[in-house]
Amino acid sequence: MNQFYRGDPLFPQELVTQCLFFGDNGCGPQWGFKRDLPGRIIRWSAAWGTEFEVVGTSPFDAWKAEKEVYDTLQSEI
């Protein structure tokens, strides 16, 4: 995935070359580490250009926050 993003000028190289993406929730933005934000996990979608959001301090934090969204949706059914 990282090589794909870095090898295509369609993606913002000023961002993707500074990140190591490692996963997603299966249907959207990628989670990753950003070189100049040690100790933080970011979430990024190609549709956002160079914008991203910080979603936690560990991969577990990112996953847990995403799980809480799905748990809330499930409780509304």
C-alpha atoms as a PDB file:
ATOM      1  CA  MET A   1       0.000   0.000   0.000  1.00  0.00           C
ATOM      2  CA  ASN A   2       2.788   2.459   0.873  1.00  0.00           C
ATOM      3  CA  GLN A   3       4.670   1.732  -2.331  1.00  0.00           C
ATOM      4  CA  PHE A   4       1.442   2.210  -4.307  1.00  0.00           C
ATOM      5  CA  TYR A   5       0.799   5.654  -2.780  1.00  0.00           C
ATOM      6  CA  ARG A   6       4.409   6.774  -3.166  1.00  0.00           C
ATOM      7  CA  GLY A   7       4.634   5.583  -6.752  1.00  0.00           C
ATOM      8  CA  ASP A   8       1.697   7.556  -8.136  1.00  0.00           C
ATOM      9  CA  PRO A   9       1.709  11.365  -8.460  1.00  0.00           C
ATOM     10  CA  LEU A  10      -2.076  11.254  -8.086  1.00  0.00           C
ATOM     11  CA  PHE A  11      -1.469  11.085  -4.321  1.00  0.00           C
ATOM     12  CA  PRO A  12       0.001  14.050  -2.391  1.00  0.00           C
ATOM     13  CA  GLN A  13       3.660  13.083  -2.235  1.00  0.00           C
ATOM     14  CA  GLU A  14       4.423  15.749   0.392  1.00  0.00           C
ATOM     15  CA  LEU A  15       2.206  13.728   2.752  1.00  0.00           C
ATOM     16  CA  VAL A  16       2.518  10.088   1.704  1.00  0.00           C
ATOM     17  CA  THR A  17       6.331  10.147   1.686  1.00  0.00           C
ATOM     18  CA  GLN A  18       6.224  11.227   5.350  1.00  0.00           C
ATOM     19  CA  CYS A  19       3.871   8.420   6.423  1.00  0.00           C
ATOM     20  CA  LEU A  20       3.859   4.690   6.987  1.00  0.00           C
ATOM     21  CA  PHE A  21       0.317   3.430   6.482  1.00  0.00           C
ATOM     22  CA  PHE A  22      -0.576   0.138   8.122  1.00  0.00           C
ATOM     23  CA  GLY A  23      -4.294  -0.488   7.843  1.00  0.00           C
ATOM     24  CA  ASP A  24      -7.855   0.682   7.745  1.00  0.00           C
ATOM     25  CA  ASN A  25     -11.344  -0.269   8.838  1.00  0.00           C
ATOM     26  CA  GLY A  26     -11.973  -2.127   5.602  1.00  0.00           C
ATOM     27  CA  CYS A  27     -13.952   0.537   3.812  1.00  0.00           C
ATOM     28  CA  GLY A  28     -12.255   3.891   3.997  1.00  0.00           C
ATOM     29  CA  PRO A  29      -9.367   6.008   5.253  1.00  0.00           C
ATOM     30  CA  GLN A  30      -5.974   4.543   6.100  1.00  0.00           C
ATOM     31  CA  TRP A  31      -4.322   4.564   9.505  1.00  0.00           C
ATOM     32  CA  GLY A  32      -0.657   5.398   9.715  1.00  0.00           C
ATOM     33  CA  PHE A  33       2.339   6.891  11.437  1.00  0.00           C
ATOM     34  CA  LYS A  34       3.555  10.327  10.334  1.00  0.00           C
ATOM     35  CA  ARG A  35       7.267  11.036  10.671  1.00  0.00           C
ATOM     36  CA  ASP A  36       6.880  14.460  12.305  1.00  0.00           C
ATOM     37  CA  LEU A  37       4.159  13.299  14.734  1.00  0.00           C
ATOM     38  CA  PRO A  38       5.871  10.669  16.889  1.00  0.00           C
ATOM     39  CA  GLY A  39       3.543   8.909  19.271  1.00  0.00           C
ATOM     40  CA  ARG A  40       0.460   9.737  17.188  1.00  0.00           C
ATOM     41  CA  ILE A  41      -1.645   7.708  14.771  1.00  0.00           C
ATOM     42  CA  ILE A  42      -3.214   9.513  11.846  1.00  0.00           C
ATOM     43  CA  ARG A  43      -6.172   8.697   9.637  1.00  0.00           C
ATOM     44  CA  TRP A  44      -6.014   9.775   5.992  1.00  0.00           C
ATOM     45  CA  SER A  45      -8.092   9.361   2.854  1.00  0.00           C
ATOM     46  CA  ALA A  46      -6.843  10.119  -0.645  1.00  0.00           C
ATOM     47  CA  ALA A  47      -9.984  12.222  -1.122  1.00  0.00           C
ATOM     48  CA  TRP A  48      -8.730  14.558   1.640  1.00  0.00           C
ATOM     49  CA  GLY A  49      -5.571  15.577  -0.221  1.00  0.00           C
ATOM     50  CA  THR A  50      -2.974  16.616   2.355  1.00  0.00           C
ATOM     51  CA  GLU A  51      -5.492  16.845   5.211  1.00  0.00           C
ATOM     52  CA  PHE A  52      -5.500  14.153   7.906  1.00  0.00           C
ATOM     53  CA  GLU A  53      -6.717  13.698  11.457  1.00  0.00           C
ATOM     54  CA  VAL A  54      -4.961  12.418  14.561  1.00  0.00           C
ATOM     55  CA  VAL A  55      -6.914   9.469  15.954  1.00  0.00           C
ATOM     56  CA  GLY A  56      -4.855   8.298  18.893  1.00  0.00           C
ATOM     57  CA  THR A  57      -1.486   7.420  20.305  1.00  0.00           C
ATOM     58  CA  SER A  58      -1.403   3.747  19.299  1.00  0.00           C
ATOM     59  CA  PRO A  59      -2.872   1.454  16.652  1.00  0.00           C
ATOM     60  CA  PHE A  60      -5.130   0.077  19.373  1.00  0.00           C
ATOM     61  CA  ASP A  61      -6.530   3.580  20.061  1.00  0.00           C
ATOM     62  CA  ALA A  62      -7.387   3.986  16.381  1.00  0.00           C
ATOM     63  CA  TRP A  63      -9.065   0.590  16.223  1.00  0.00           C
ATOM     64  CA  LYS A  64     -10.959   1.141  19.491  1.00  0.00           C
ATOM     65  CA  ALA A  65     -12.350   4.505  18.341  1.00  0.00           C
ATOM     66  CA  GLU A  66     -13.537   2.918  15.099  1.00  0.00           C
ATOM     67  CA  LYS A  67     -15.101   0.005  16.984  1.00  0.00           C
ATOM     68  CA  GLU A  68     -17.022   2.416  19.211  1.00  0.00           C
ATOM     69  CA  VAL A  69     -18.584   3.996  16.109  1.00  0.00           C
ATOM     70  CA  TYR A  70     -19.752   0.589  14.882  1.00  0.00           C
ATOM     71  CA  ASP A  71     -20.986  -0.397  18.354  1.00  0.00           C
ATOM     72  CA  THR A  72     -23.082   2.793  18.474  1.00  0.00           C
ATOM     73  CA  LEU A  73     -24.561   2.051  15.064  1.00  0.00           C
ATOM     74  CA  GLN A  74     -25.331  -1.521  16.108  1.00  0.00           C
ATOM     75  CA  SER A  75     -27.149  -0.346  19.249  1.00  0.00           C
ATOM     76  CA  GLU A  76     -29.384   1.898  17.131  1.00  0.00           C
ATOM     77  CA  ILE A  77     -30.704  -1.017  15.078  1.00  0.00           C
END
